[in-house]
Amino acid sequence: MKPTKHSFKYWQWRVIICSMIGYSIFYFVRKNFSFAMPALAAEYGIGDLQLGTILTAVGLIYGVSKFINGFIADRSNARWHLIIGLGICVILNYIFGFSAKISAWIAGTPTGPDFVNVMVWTIAVLLVLNNVFQGCGFAPCNRLMVHWVPPRELATKMSIWNTSHSIGAGIVSVLCGAIIGTLGLNLAGDPATVEQVAANLGRAVDDPVVIQAASHMGAWQWCFWIPALIGTFGVFFILITLRDTPSSVGLPELEGTKTELDDNDTSAEYRKFVRKKVFGNPVVWALAVCDLFVYIVRFAVLDWGPKFLQQGESALSPQLAGWTIAIFEVAGCAGMIFAGWFTDKFLASKGQRMCVIEMAITALCLVGLWLLPSGHPIAMLVLLAVSGFFLYGPQALLGVIASNHVTKKAASSAVGLIGLMSYVSTIFTGFGVGLLSNLFHDAFWSNLFLIMAGIAVIGGLVVIPLWNMKNDGYIHA
């Protein structure tokens, strides 16, 4: 590779910004399903338990995919890794918009129990396939970051990069909320449709939630087609703008990042290195367990928030529900940047200390939400935003701590293991929430924030033993 005419700093920020944009687009073709869920329930009578089981299955598949792709990413070209993953997810989302027609063709009928059962399976298969390739998103980006950013700056710059999670989820929340609230066929004047929607939701025919759903029949399809179109442009954006490691553009690799593998990076030595630094490392396992609890709280809001806000006591419009979730994400963006900056500036890059502090504050905010009486949407919004601000700090920092500790040679592998553990959370936030909703409904939802507060406390306690751990695992003179 011939030397580049641009400086290291130019390429560093180009990689950070372009990979942020690329990864945020992965969310456009992943988190759109959360906004399709209320419409699928209204139009086809797909219940919370069915939806929750699907969420659990795809979450676990995504966790396994992140785990496997972590090992692939440490030994492959990040640019092409991202392109292949996003490209396949885009194609699957185009197909998803036609899932009702596909299900009708398989079942031989566009209505009835047989059709609904086939529809559930069609949704599940497409979402599982989508999440297999969603795992091609974070791992190569993490590889890019540890190759372009030195350990002493990684908390700050990785936290900036991590806002791509919230940018993608926030924008797609607003986009899909607008789609569900404006597109589709208006069949609110058709008594048969209104009665069917009311029966599917277990509500009265004059309920505003029923009328809202009947006014936008079929809008859920556009929650897949429009994000897929944006994702198509994203694939070409990554292809044109992104590059792999510094050496791929003729620049030297980072100083001060010498590892045990530098003098003998064979396949056998690499496998031995990974067994020692990742699988046999109690630090990585502690970080993974903490991330499990972080993600339980996060997904309880992201996956069920749109449905809860539209069909709970608040009964917000799809647009307002979208903005509410988006504000949670925007606050999370600010929280991640703050957490990274504060960690490097005041805590000597010891992110584990920041994680303990922020999980405690998150728990307090969630208790506040539990104590808040109904009919105070502004106070709820403020508390949700503050909880997002402090919750997303640990989400960003846990991967940074692991990456520095295991070095750039195994960073994506360690983060892959952490990712696998974090998506075990979907057993609770998917199947568990759906089951508890069916069994206890009002009692469960009214105490959800208190349960989440307890989970946040446990997450903070897990990383307290790491309080004085050294900053990185590189070999220093």
Protein backbone atom coordinates (compact mmCIF):
# COMPACT_ATOMS: atom_id res chain seq x y z
CA MET A 1 0.00 0.00 0.00
CA LYS A 2 1.48 3.35 -1.03
CA PRO A 3 1.74 6.06 1.66
CA THR A 4 -1.33 8.26 2.08
CA LYS A 5 -1.22 12.02 1.57
CA HIS A 6 -3.45 12.44 4.64
CA SER A 7 -2.34 12.51 8.28
CA PHE A 8 -3.01 9.83 10.87
CA LYS A 9 -5.43 12.18 12.64
CA TYR A 10 -7.42 12.67 9.43
CA TRP A 11 -7.76 8.94 8.89
CA GLN A 12 -8.51 8.30 12.56
CA TRP A 13 -11.50 10.65 12.55
CA ARG A 14 -12.60 9.51 9.11
CA VAL A 15 -12.72 5.91 10.32
CA ILE A 16 -14.54 6.90 13.53
CA ILE A 17 -17.18 9.01 11.77
CA CYS A 18 -17.75 6.77 8.75
CA SER A 19 -17.98 3.60 10.84
CA MET A 20 -20.43 5.42 13.15
CA ILE A 21 -22.66 6.22 10.18
CA GLY A 22 -22.32 2.71 8.80
CA TYR A 23 -23.14 1.03 12.10
CA SER A 24 -26.07 3.34 12.87
CA ILE A 25 -27.65 2.19 9.59
CA PHE A 26 -27.54 -1.39 10.88
CA TYR A 27 -30.11 -0.20 13.44
CA PHE A 28 -32.41 1.04 10.67
CA VAL A 29 -32.85 -2.55 9.49
CA ARG A 30 -32.96 -4.08 12.96
CA LYS A 31 -34.89 -1.97 15.48
CA ASN A 32 -37.67 -1.20 12.99
CA PHE A 33 -39.41 -4.42 14.08
CA SER A 34 -40.25 -2.91 17.49
CA PHE A 35 -42.49 -0.37 15.79
CA ALA A 36 -44.08 -2.98 13.55
CA MET A 37 -45.07 -5.07 16.61
CA PRO A 38 -48.15 -3.03 17.67
CA ALA A 39 -49.43 -3.04 14.09
CA LEU A 40 -48.85 -6.79 13.71
CA ALA A 41 -50.76 -7.36 16.97
CA ALA A 42 -53.63 -5.16 15.78
CA GLU A 43 -53.91 -6.53 12.24
CA TYR A 44 -53.24 -10.22 12.83
CA GLY A 45 -53.80 -10.82 16.54
CA ILE A 46 -50.19 -11.86 17.19
CA GLY A 47 -49.92 -11.85 21.00
CA ASP A 48 -47.30 -10.60 23.45
CA LEU A 49 -46.10 -14.13 24.23
CA GLN A 50 -45.56 -14.90 20.54
CA LEU A 51 -43.80 -11.60 19.94
CA GLY A 52 -41.76 -12.02 23.11
CA THR A 53 -40.69 -15.53 22.11
CA ILE A 54 -39.58 -14.20 18.72
CA LEU A 55 -37.60 -11.41 20.41
CA THR A 56 -35.89 -13.93 22.67
CA ALA A 57 -34.98 -16.20 19.76
CA VAL A 58 -33.58 -13.43 17.57
CA GLY A 59 -31.78 -11.83 20.51
CA LEU A 60 -30.00 -15.05 21.34
CA ILE A 61 -29.15 -15.59 17.69
CA TYR A 62 -27.75 -12.05 17.52
CA GLY A 63 -25.68 -12.70 20.64
CA VAL A 64 -24.23 -15.88 19.14
CA SER A 65 -23.58 -14.02 15.90
CA LYS A 66 -21.72 -11.24 17.74
CA PHE A 67 -19.70 -13.90 19.52
CA ILE A 68 -18.68 -15.69 16.31
CA ASN A 69 -18.12 -12.48 14.37
CA GLY A 70 -15.84 -11.21 17.13
CA PHE A 71 -13.34 -13.94 16.28
CA ILE A 72 -13.80 -13.40 12.55
CA ALA A 73 -13.29 -9.64 12.92
CA ASP A 74 -9.95 -9.95 14.74
CA ARG A 75 -8.52 -11.73 11.68
CA SER A 76 -10.35 -10.13 8.71
CA ASN A 77 -10.88 -6.86 6.78
CA ALA A 78 -13.37 -4.71 8.69
CA ARG A 79 -14.61 -2.80 5.63
CA TRP A 80 -15.77 -5.89 3.72
CA HIS A 81 -17.06 -7.51 6.89
CA LEU A 82 -19.44 -4.55 7.34
CA ILE A 83 -20.48 -4.42 3.69
CA ILE A 84 -21.45 -8.10 3.52
CA GLY A 85 -23.41 -7.99 6.79
CA LEU A 86 -25.37 -4.82 6.04
CA GLY A 87 -26.05 -5.84 2.44
CA ILE A 88 -27.72 -9.11 3.45
CA CYS A 89 -29.75 -7.38 6.22
CA VAL A 90 -31.05 -4.88 3.66
CA ILE A 91 -32.21 -7.67 1.33
CA LEU A 92 -33.97 -9.47 4.20
CA ASN A 93 -35.81 -6.26 5.17
CA TYR A 94 -37.11 -5.81 1.65
CA ILE A 95 -38.44 -9.38 1.85
CA PHE A 96 -39.94 -8.75 5.30
CA GLY A 97 -42.30 -6.16 3.86
CA PHE A 98 -43.85 -8.94 1.79
CA SER A 99 -44.12 -11.40 4.70
CA ALA A 100 -47.94 -11.25 4.79
CA LYS A 101 -48.13 -12.18 1.10
CA ILE A 102 -45.54 -14.92 1.58
CA SER A 103 -47.48 -16.30 4.55
CA ALA A 104 -50.77 -16.22 2.64
CA TRP A 105 -49.15 -18.12 -0.22
CA ILE A 106 -47.75 -20.78 2.14
CA ALA A 107 -50.97 -21.11 4.19
CA GLY A 108 -53.26 -20.95 1.16
CA THR A 109 -55.38 -18.27 2.83
CA PRO A 110 -54.84 -14.59 3.85
CA THR A 111 -56.84 -14.94 7.08
CA GLY A 112 -57.56 -17.34 9.90
CA PRO A 113 -55.50 -19.24 12.50
CA ASP A 114 -53.45 -21.16 9.93
CA PHE A 115 -52.41 -17.93 8.26
CA VAL A 116 -51.49 -16.33 11.61
CA ASN A 117 -49.37 -19.33 12.61
CA VAL A 118 -47.52 -19.25 9.30
CA MET A 119 -47.11 -15.48 9.67
CA VAL A 120 -45.49 -15.92 13.08
CA TRP A 121 -43.07 -18.49 11.67
CA THR A 122 -42.29 -16.34 8.63
CA ILE A 123 -41.53 -13.36 10.87
CA ALA A 124 -39.38 -15.53 13.13
CA VAL A 125 -37.34 -17.00 10.27
CA LEU A 126 -36.71 -13.63 8.62
CA LEU A 127 -35.76 -12.01 11.93
CA VAL A 128 -33.42 -14.87 12.84
CA LEU A 129 -31.66 -14.60 9.46
CA ASN A 130 -31.49 -10.83 9.83
CA ASN A 131 -29.89 -11.10 13.24
CA VAL A 132 -27.37 -13.68 12.05
CA PHE A 133 -25.93 -10.99 9.78
CA GLN A 134 -26.54 -8.10 12.21
CA GLY A 135 -23.64 -9.62 14.13
CA CYS A 136 -21.38 -8.40 11.30
CA GLY A 137 -21.87 -4.83 12.53
CA PHE A 138 -20.25 -4.17 15.88
CA ALA A 139 -17.32 -6.61 15.76
CA PRO A 140 -15.50 -5.10 12.74
CA CYS A 141 -16.18 -1.59 14.07
CA ASN A 142 -14.59 -2.52 17.39
CA ARG A 143 -11.57 -3.84 15.48
CA LEU A 144 -11.29 -0.49 13.69
CA MET A 145 -11.40 1.46 16.95
CA VAL A 146 -8.68 -0.48 18.76
CA HIS A 147 -6.40 -0.24 15.71
CA TRP A 148 -6.91 3.51 15.23
CA VAL A 149 -7.25 4.81 18.84
CA PRO A 150 -4.58 4.45 21.58
CA PRO A 151 -5.68 2.97 24.95
CA ARG A 152 -5.43 6.30 26.83
CA GLU A 153 -8.01 7.84 24.44
CA LEU A 154 -10.20 4.82 23.85
CA ALA A 155 -12.83 5.56 26.53
CA THR A 156 -13.43 9.04 25.13
CA LYS A 157 -13.41 8.19 21.43
CA MET A 158 -15.13 4.83 21.75
CA SER A 159 -17.88 6.52 23.74
CA ILE A 160 -18.29 9.03 20.93
CA TRP A 161 -18.41 6.13 18.49
CA ASN A 162 -20.93 4.28 20.65
CA THR A 163 -23.46 7.06 20.11
CA SER A 164 -24.02 5.36 16.75
CA HIS A 165 -26.20 2.85 18.65
CA SER A 166 -28.45 5.61 19.90
CA ILE A 167 -28.30 7.68 16.72
CA GLY A 168 -29.49 4.73 14.68
CA ALA A 169 -32.13 3.59 17.18
CA GLY A 170 -33.32 7.17 17.79
CA ILE A 171 -33.70 8.10 14.13
CA VAL A 172 -35.42 4.84 13.22
CA SER A 173 -37.81 5.33 16.18
CA VAL A 174 -38.89 8.73 14.85
CA LEU A 175 -38.98 7.44 11.26
CA CYS A 176 -41.03 4.33 12.04
CA GLY A 177 -43.30 6.22 14.44
CA ALA A 178 -44.08 8.64 11.58
CA ILE A 179 -44.59 5.74 9.15
CA ILE A 180 -47.03 3.92 11.46
CA GLY A 181 -48.86 7.17 12.22
CA THR A 182 -49.21 8.49 8.65
CA LEU A 183 -49.01 5.71 6.04
CA GLY A 184 -51.22 2.70 5.35
CA LEU A 185 -54.88 2.32 4.39
CA ASN A 186 -57.51 4.18 6.41
CA LEU A 187 -60.11 1.51 7.19
CA ALA A 188 -61.46 3.17 10.34
CA GLY A 189 -64.80 3.57 8.52
CA ASP A 190 -65.09 -0.16 7.86
CA PRO A 191 -66.97 -1.78 10.79
CA ALA A 192 -65.64 -5.28 10.03
CA THR A 193 -62.02 -4.09 10.15
CA VAL A 194 -62.57 -2.10 13.35
CA GLU A 195 -64.26 -5.08 15.01
CA GLN A 196 -61.42 -7.39 13.98
CA VAL A 197 -58.76 -4.98 15.30
CA ALA A 198 -60.71 -4.57 18.56
CA ALA A 199 -60.93 -8.34 18.94
CA ASN A 200 -57.22 -8.76 18.21
CA LEU A 201 -56.30 -6.18 20.85
CA GLY A 202 -58.99 -7.09 23.37
CA ARG A 203 -60.36 -3.53 23.39
CA ALA A 204 -63.66 -1.78 22.69
CA VAL A 205 -64.42 -0.78 19.09
CA ASP A 206 -64.40 2.91 20.02
CA ASP A 207 -61.06 2.73 21.82
CA PRO A 208 -58.63 5.33 20.37
CA VAL A 209 -55.92 2.65 20.07
CA VAL A 210 -58.25 0.57 17.89
CA ILE A 211 -59.21 3.53 15.71
CA GLN A 212 -55.56 4.53 15.35
CA ALA A 213 -54.58 1.03 14.19
CA ALA A 214 -57.54 0.75 11.79
CA SER A 215 -56.61 4.10 10.26
CA HIS A 216 -53.20 2.87 9.13
CA MET A 217 -53.61 -0.75 8.05
CA GLY A 218 -50.53 -2.11 6.31
CA ALA A 219 -48.27 0.75 7.39
CA TRP A 220 -45.98 -1.76 9.13
CA GLN A 221 -44.70 -2.92 5.72
CA TRP A 222 -43.16 0.48 5.10
CA CYS A 223 -41.30 0.15 8.43
CA PHE A 224 -39.16 -2.37 6.54
CA TRP A 225 -39.11 -1.03 2.99
CA ILE A 226 -38.08 2.56 3.78
CA PRO A 227 -35.25 1.63 6.22
CA ALA A 228 -34.08 -0.98 3.68
CA LEU A 229 -33.81 1.75 1.04
CA ILE A 230 -31.71 3.84 3.44
CA GLY A 231 -29.61 0.75 4.15
CA THR A 232 -28.93 0.32 0.42
CA PHE A 233 -27.28 3.74 0.35
CA GLY A 234 -25.42 2.77 3.55
CA VAL A 235 -23.74 -0.19 1.84
CA PHE A 236 -22.31 2.05 -0.89
CA PHE A 237 -21.30 4.66 1.70
CA ILE A 238 -19.18 2.11 3.59
CA LEU A 239 -17.64 0.85 0.35
CA ILE A 240 -16.56 4.32 -0.73
CA THR A 241 -15.46 5.90 2.55
CA LEU A 242 -14.13 3.24 4.93
CA ARG A 243 -10.73 1.56 5.13
CA ASP A 244 -9.27 -1.09 7.47
CA THR A 245 -6.15 -0.65 9.68
CA PRO A 246 -3.54 2.16 9.48
CA SER A 247 -1.25 -0.09 7.44
CA SER A 248 -3.96 -0.45 4.79
CA VAL A 249 -3.52 3.25 3.92
CA GLY A 250 0.27 3.30 4.29
CA LEU A 251 0.44 4.53 7.89
CA PRO A 252 2.33 2.95 10.83
CA GLU A 253 0.41 1.03 13.47
CA LEU A 254 -0.23 2.59 16.92
CA GLU A 255 2.72 2.99 19.28
CA GLY A 256 2.55 1.54 22.78
CA THR A 257 0.36 -1.40 21.78
CA LYS A 258 2.88 -4.24 21.87
CA THR A 259 1.35 -7.64 22.66
CA GLU A 260 2.52 -11.18 23.31
CA LEU A 261 1.68 -12.04 19.71
CA ASP A 262 3.80 -9.38 18.01
CA ASP A 263 6.79 -11.69 17.53
CA ASN A 264 4.89 -14.92 16.85
CA ASP A 265 1.39 -14.36 15.47
CA THR A 266 0.69 -17.87 14.20
CA SER A 267 -2.75 -19.50 14.28
CA ALA A 268 -1.71 -21.77 17.14
CA GLU A 269 -0.30 -18.90 19.22
CA TYR A 270 -3.37 -16.79 18.48
CA ARG A 271 -5.71 -19.53 19.73
CA LYS A 272 -3.59 -19.90 22.88
CA PHE A 273 -3.66 -16.12 23.36
CA VAL A 274 -7.46 -16.01 23.05
CA ARG A 275 -7.96 -18.90 25.48
CA LYS A 276 -5.84 -17.07 28.05
CA LYS A 277 -6.97 -13.49 27.50
CA VAL A 278 -10.67 -14.09 26.77
CA PHE A 279 -12.11 -17.43 27.88
CA GLY A 280 -9.88 -17.88 30.92
CA ASN A 281 -10.06 -14.25 32.02
CA PRO A 282 -12.30 -13.52 35.05
CA VAL A 283 -12.26 -9.80 34.20
CA VAL A 284 -13.91 -10.44 30.85
CA TRP A 285 -16.53 -12.66 32.47
CA ALA A 286 -17.34 -10.02 35.12
CA LEU A 287 -17.76 -7.40 32.40
CA ALA A 288 -19.96 -9.80 30.43
CA VAL A 289 -22.27 -10.43 33.41
CA CYS A 290 -22.55 -6.70 34.07
CA ASP A 291 -23.45 -6.09 30.42
CA LEU A 292 -26.17 -8.72 30.74
CA PHE A 293 -27.90 -6.58 33.36
CA VAL A 294 -27.32 -3.36 31.42
CA TYR A 295 -29.02 -4.86 28.38
CA ILE A 296 -31.98 -6.19 30.34
CA VAL A 297 -32.79 -2.63 31.37
CA ARG A 298 -32.04 -1.21 27.93
CA PHE A 299 -34.12 -3.71 25.98
CA ALA A 300 -37.04 -3.48 28.38
CA VAL A 301 -37.34 0.12 27.17
CA LEU A 302 -36.35 -0.28 23.50
CA ASP A 303 -38.19 -3.48 22.59
CA TRP A 304 -41.38 -3.01 24.59
CA GLY A 305 -41.40 0.76 24.99
CA PRO A 306 -43.25 1.53 21.72
CA LYS A 307 -45.97 -1.03 22.47
CA PHE A 308 -46.24 -0.10 26.17
CA LEU A 309 -46.44 3.62 25.42
CA GLN A 310 -49.08 3.19 22.72
CA GLN A 311 -51.25 0.61 24.45
CA GLY A 312 -50.62 1.24 28.17
CA GLU A 313 -52.28 3.77 30.44
CA SER A 314 -50.60 6.66 28.62
CA ALA A 315 -51.90 5.54 25.17
CA LEU A 316 -49.54 7.85 23.29
CA SER A 317 -49.79 8.25 19.52
CA PRO A 318 -47.23 6.33 17.43
CA GLN A 319 -45.45 9.59 16.62
CA LEU A 320 -45.22 10.67 20.28
CA ALA A 321 -44.16 7.17 21.34
CA GLY A 322 -41.42 7.33 18.70
CA TRP A 323 -40.19 10.69 19.99
CA THR A 324 -40.26 9.42 23.58
CA ILE A 325 -37.99 6.48 22.73
CA ALA A 326 -35.84 8.78 20.60
CA ILE A 327 -35.33 11.15 23.55
CA PHE A 328 -34.21 8.17 25.66
CA GLU A 329 -31.65 7.45 22.93
CA VAL A 330 -30.54 11.08 22.54
CA ALA A 331 -29.95 11.29 26.28
CA GLY A 332 -28.02 8.03 25.97
CA CYS A 333 -25.79 9.61 23.30
CA ALA A 334 -24.94 12.49 25.60
CA GLY A 335 -24.44 10.07 28.48
CA MET A 336 -21.97 7.92 26.55
CA ILE A 337 -19.85 10.91 25.53
CA PHE A 338 -19.90 12.25 29.07
CA ALA A 339 -18.98 8.86 30.56
CA GLY A 340 -16.00 8.42 28.22
CA TRP A 341 -14.71 11.96 28.75
CA PHE A 342 -15.15 11.80 32.53
CA THR A 343 -13.42 8.40 32.69
CA ASP A 344 -10.31 9.53 30.81
CA LYS A 345 -10.23 12.98 32.41
CA PHE A 346 -10.95 12.27 36.08
CA LEU A 347 -10.82 8.51 36.67
CA ALA A 348 -7.45 7.74 35.03
CA SER A 349 -9.21 5.75 32.26
CA LYS A 350 -10.65 3.30 34.83
CA GLY A 351 -14.04 2.80 33.22
CA GLN A 352 -15.13 0.20 35.76
CA ARG A 353 -15.41 2.93 38.41
CA MET A 354 -17.71 4.97 36.17
CA CYS A 355 -19.84 1.89 35.53
CA VAL A 356 -20.48 1.36 39.25
CA ILE A 357 -21.43 5.01 39.78
CA GLU A 358 -23.73 5.20 36.77
CA MET A 359 -25.57 1.94 37.43
CA ALA A 360 -26.42 3.23 40.91
CA ILE A 361 -27.80 6.49 39.51
CA THR A 362 -29.76 4.60 36.84
CA ALA A 363 -31.39 2.52 39.59
CA LEU A 364 -32.46 5.69 41.42
CA CYS A 365 -34.04 7.09 38.24
CA LEU A 366 -35.95 3.87 37.67
CA VAL A 367 -37.26 3.91 41.23
CA GLY A 368 -38.41 7.46 40.53
CA LEU A 369 -40.32 6.24 37.45
CA TRP A 370 -41.93 3.50 39.53
CA LEU A 371 -43.04 6.01 42.19
CA LEU A 372 -44.31 8.51 39.59
CA PRO A 373 -48.14 8.59 39.44
CA SER A 374 -49.86 8.32 36.06
CA GLY A 375 -50.79 11.51 34.25
CA HIS A 376 -47.35 13.14 34.40
CA PRO A 377 -45.93 12.61 30.88
CA ILE A 378 -43.33 15.40 31.16
CA ALA A 379 -41.91 14.04 34.43
CA MET A 380 -41.88 10.54 32.92
CA LEU A 381 -40.02 11.85 29.88
CA VAL A 382 -37.43 13.63 32.03
CA LEU A 383 -36.79 10.59 34.22
CA LEU A 384 -36.56 8.33 31.16
CA ALA A 385 -34.04 10.71 29.60
CA VAL A 386 -31.91 10.87 32.76
CA SER A 387 -31.98 7.08 33.14
CA GLY A 388 -30.89 6.75 29.49
CA PHE A 389 -28.09 9.25 30.08
CA PHE A 390 -26.56 7.16 32.89
CA LEU A 391 -27.44 3.69 31.57
CA TYR A 392 -25.67 4.14 28.24
CA GLY A 393 -22.37 5.06 29.86
CA PRO A 394 -21.74 1.50 31.12
CA GLN A 395 -22.92 0.10 27.78
CA ALA A 396 -20.15 2.02 26.04
CA LEU A 397 -17.45 1.57 28.68
CA LEU A 398 -17.69 -2.19 29.28
CA GLY A 399 -16.42 -2.92 25.78
CA VAL A 400 -13.66 -0.33 26.17
CA ILE A 401 -12.47 -1.90 29.44
CA ALA A 402 -12.42 -5.34 27.82
CA SER A 403 -10.69 -4.13 24.64
CA ASN A 404 -7.88 -2.44 26.56
CA HIS A 405 -7.49 -5.38 28.91
CA VAL A 406 -7.19 -8.10 26.23
CA THR A 407 -5.33 -5.81 23.70
CA LYS A 408 -6.13 -5.11 20.06
CA LYS A 409 -5.22 -8.69 19.10
CA ALA A 410 -8.30 -10.14 20.82
CA ALA A 411 -10.48 -7.07 21.44
CA SER A 412 -13.32 -8.08 19.12
CA SER A 413 -13.24 -11.64 20.44
CA ALA A 414 -13.66 -10.39 24.03
CA VAL A 415 -16.40 -7.98 23.00
CA GLY A 416 -18.03 -10.83 21.09
CA LEU A 417 -18.17 -12.91 24.27
CA ILE A 418 -19.58 -9.95 26.17
CA GLY A 419 -22.09 -9.45 23.36
CA LEU A 420 -23.21 -13.06 23.64
CA MET A 421 -23.83 -12.66 27.36
CA SER A 422 -25.60 -9.32 26.91
CA TYR A 423 -28.09 -10.86 24.48
CA VAL A 424 -28.88 -13.65 26.90
CA SER A 425 -30.88 -10.75 28.38
CA THR A 426 -33.51 -11.35 25.71
CA ILE A 427 -34.59 -14.50 27.55
CA PHE A 428 -36.05 -12.08 30.09
CA THR A 429 -36.88 -9.07 27.91
CA GLY A 430 -38.42 -11.19 25.17
CA PHE A 431 -40.03 -14.45 26.29
CA GLY A 432 -39.98 -13.50 29.99
CA VAL A 433 -41.73 -10.16 29.55
CA GLY A 434 -44.26 -11.68 27.16
CA LEU A 435 -45.03 -14.51 29.60
CA LEU A 436 -45.26 -12.24 32.67
CA SER A 437 -47.48 -9.85 30.70
CA ASN A 438 -49.84 -12.72 29.90
CA LEU A 439 -49.88 -14.00 33.50
CA PHE A 440 -49.94 -10.81 35.55
CA HIS A 441 -50.41 -7.99 33.02
CA ASP A 442 -51.33 -4.87 35.06
CA ALA A 443 -49.41 -5.95 38.17
CA PHE A 444 -46.32 -6.71 36.10
CA TRP A 445 -46.32 -3.52 34.03
CA SER A 446 -46.97 -1.32 37.07
CA ASN A 447 -43.88 -2.75 38.80
CA LEU A 448 -41.62 -3.04 35.75
CA PHE A 449 -39.48 -0.03 36.64
CA LEU A 450 -38.90 -1.31 40.17
CA ILE A 451 -37.76 -4.67 38.78
CA MET A 452 -35.41 -2.88 36.37
CA ALA A 453 -34.00 -0.79 39.24
CA GLY A 454 -33.07 -3.98 41.13
CA ILE A 455 -31.40 -5.37 38.01
CA ALA A 456 -29.37 -2.16 37.60
CA VAL A 457 -28.13 -2.44 41.19
CA ILE A 458 -26.98 -6.02 40.64
CA GLY A 459 -25.14 -4.95 37.48
CA GLY A 460 -23.20 -2.32 39.40
CA LEU A 461 -22.28 -4.73 42.18
CA VAL A 462 -20.74 -7.18 39.71
CA VAL A 463 -17.97 -4.76 38.64
CA ILE A 464 -17.09 -3.39 42.09
CA PRO A 465 -14.28 -6.01 42.49
CA LEU A 466 -12.58 -4.50 39.39
CA TRP A 467 -12.35 -1.02 40.97
CA ASN A 468 -8.52 -0.91 41.15
CA MET A 469 -7.71 -3.05 38.08
CA LYS A 470 -4.87 -1.76 35.83
CA ASN A 471 -5.87 0.08 32.68
CA ASP A 472 -4.66 -2.22 29.88
CA GLY A 473 -2.95 -5.51 29.10
CA TYR A 474 -0.27 -4.26 26.73
CA ILE A 475 3.43 -4.94 27.35
CA HIS A 476 5.05 -1.80 28.72
CA ALA A 477 8.77 -1.19 29.26
